[in-house]
Protein backbone atom coordinates (compact mmCIF):
# COMPACT_ATOMS: atom_id res chain seq x y z
CA UNK A 1 -2.51 310.59 252.72
CA UNK A 2 -5.52 310.96 255.04
CA UNK A 3 -6.83 314.38 255.98
CA UNK A 4 -9.60 315.45 258.21
CA UNK A 5 -12.04 318.46 258.54
CA UNK A 6 -10.22 321.39 260.34
CA UNK A 7 -6.85 320.26 259.57
CA UNK A 8 -4.10 322.59 258.42
CA UNK A 9 -2.03 321.69 255.86
CA UNK A 10 0.70 323.09 253.56
CA UNK A 11 0.74 323.28 249.83
CA UNK A 12 3.27 321.35 248.42
CA UNK A 13 2.80 321.37 244.61
CA UNK A 14 0.61 323.87 243.14
CA UNK A 15 1.41 323.24 239.60
CA UNK A 16 -1.68 322.73 237.69
CA UNK A 17 -0.01 320.25 235.42
CA UNK A 18 1.60 318.04 238.07
CA UNK A 19 -1.06 315.46 238.14
CA UNK A 20 -1.92 315.93 234.36
CA UNK A 21 0.53 317.22 231.89
CA UNK A 22 -2.22 318.47 229.52
CA UNK A 23 -4.31 319.99 232.36
CA UNK A 24 -4.96 323.77 231.92
CA UNK A 25 -3.76 326.58 234.13
CA UNK A 26 -6.12 327.45 237.23
CA UNK A 27 -8.80 329.74 236.75
CA UNK A 28 -8.00 333.44 238.54
CA UNK A 29 -8.51 333.33 242.38
CA UNK A 30 -8.52 329.57 242.47
CA UNK A 31 -5.03 328.63 242.45
CA UNK A 32 -3.20 327.32 245.86
CA UNK A 33 0.30 328.76 246.71
CA UNK A 34 3.34 326.51 247.41
CA UNK A 35 4.06 326.93 251.21
CA UNK A 36 0.76 328.67 252.29
CA UNK A 37 -1.01 327.22 255.00
CA UNK A 38 -4.92 326.25 254.09
CA UNK A 39 -7.40 324.41 256.33
CA UNK A 40 -9.18 321.57 255.14
CA UNK A 41 -13.01 322.20 254.73
CA UNK A 42 -14.22 318.63 253.18
CA UNK A 43 -12.59 315.18 252.16
CA UNK A 44 -13.89 313.12 249.48
CA UNK A 45 -13.23 311.02 246.57
CA UNK A 46 -13.91 311.80 242.99
CA UNK A 47 -12.61 310.76 239.55
CA UNK A 48 -10.08 308.42 241.27
CA UNK A 49 -8.66 310.86 243.37
CA UNK A 50 -8.88 311.87 247.02
CA UNK A 51 -9.74 315.35 247.00
CA UNK A 52 -10.17 318.40 249.30
CA UNK A 53 -11.98 321.62 249.92
CA UNK A 54 -10.09 324.47 251.40
CA UNK A 55 -11.36 327.19 253.71
CA UNK A 56 -9.21 329.94 252.26
CA UNK A 57 -9.92 329.10 248.58
CA UNK A 58 -12.25 327.76 246.30
CA UNK A 59 -12.14 326.22 242.78
CA UNK A 60 -13.96 328.45 240.16
CA UNK A 61 -17.51 327.98 239.61
CA UNK A 62 -16.66 326.79 235.89
CA UNK A 63 -14.58 324.00 237.28
CA UNK A 64 -17.96 322.93 239.33
CA UNK A 65 -19.63 323.01 236.04
CA UNK A 66 -17.13 320.71 234.16
CA UNK A 67 -16.91 318.31 236.87
CA UNK A 68 -20.51 317.92 237.92
CA UNK A 69 -19.97 319.60 241.18
CA UNK A 70 -17.38 317.07 241.95
CA UNK A 71 -14.14 319.23 242.25
CA UNK A 72 -11.48 320.21 244.43
CA UNK A 73 -7.99 320.11 244.90
CA UNK A 74 -6.09 316.64 244.82
CA UNK A 75 -5.14 315.77 248.53
CA UNK A 76 -1.53 314.89 247.02
CA UNK A 77 -0.97 318.59 246.68
CA UNK A 78 -0.68 319.20 250.44
CA UNK A 79 0.91 317.70 253.49
CA UNK A 80 -0.01 318.25 256.81
CA UNK A 81 1.19 321.11 258.72
CA UNK A 82 3.60 320.03 261.96
CA UNK A 83 3.05 322.69 264.55
CA UNK A 84 5.66 322.49 267.19
CA UNK A 85 4.63 323.63 270.56
CA UNK A 86 7.15 326.40 271.77
CA UNK A 87 8.25 325.63 275.39
CA UNK A 88 10.00 328.61 277.23
CA UNK A 89 10.24 326.04 280.14
CA UNK A 90 14.01 326.35 280.21
CA UNK A 91 14.04 330.06 280.57
CA UNK A 92 11.65 329.81 283.18
CA UNK A 93 13.73 327.43 285.14
CA UNK A 94 16.97 329.70 284.80
CA UNK A 95 14.91 332.51 286.89
CA UNK A 96 13.80 330.03 289.47
CA UNK A 97 15.78 330.78 292.48
CA UNK A 98 15.99 327.38 293.73
CA UNK A 99 17.93 326.50 290.71
CA UNK A 100 20.55 328.95 291.36
CA UNK A 101 23.85 328.25 293.28
CA UNK A 102 23.59 329.59 296.65
CA UNK A 103 26.63 331.59 298.17
CA UNK A 104 28.16 329.58 300.91
CA UNK A 105 27.68 330.54 304.40
CA UNK A 106 30.25 330.80 307.14
CA UNK A 107 29.73 329.16 310.42
CA UNK A 108 28.32 331.37 313.27
């Protein structure tokens, strides 16, 4: 999946072992939360994975040391946020007098 900087995404998999069964737990404060909305801060490839940095949370400093600064969150953990534009046009049309039935007038 291709993301872009500034794009809003939803976390769909926060399991630290989802990509690597022998992986460790998240360090405190760096764990994404399933269902939460995040903003892409950077997109890049490292260690054979598409990775992203998020504006709202950051990997722990120890993770940067372990991976020589090339760490982030696997892009497959997220999906684009689908924002639907809310339209109240149907309701404003109901208020428009031109759309209301006119009473019949008697000939004069």
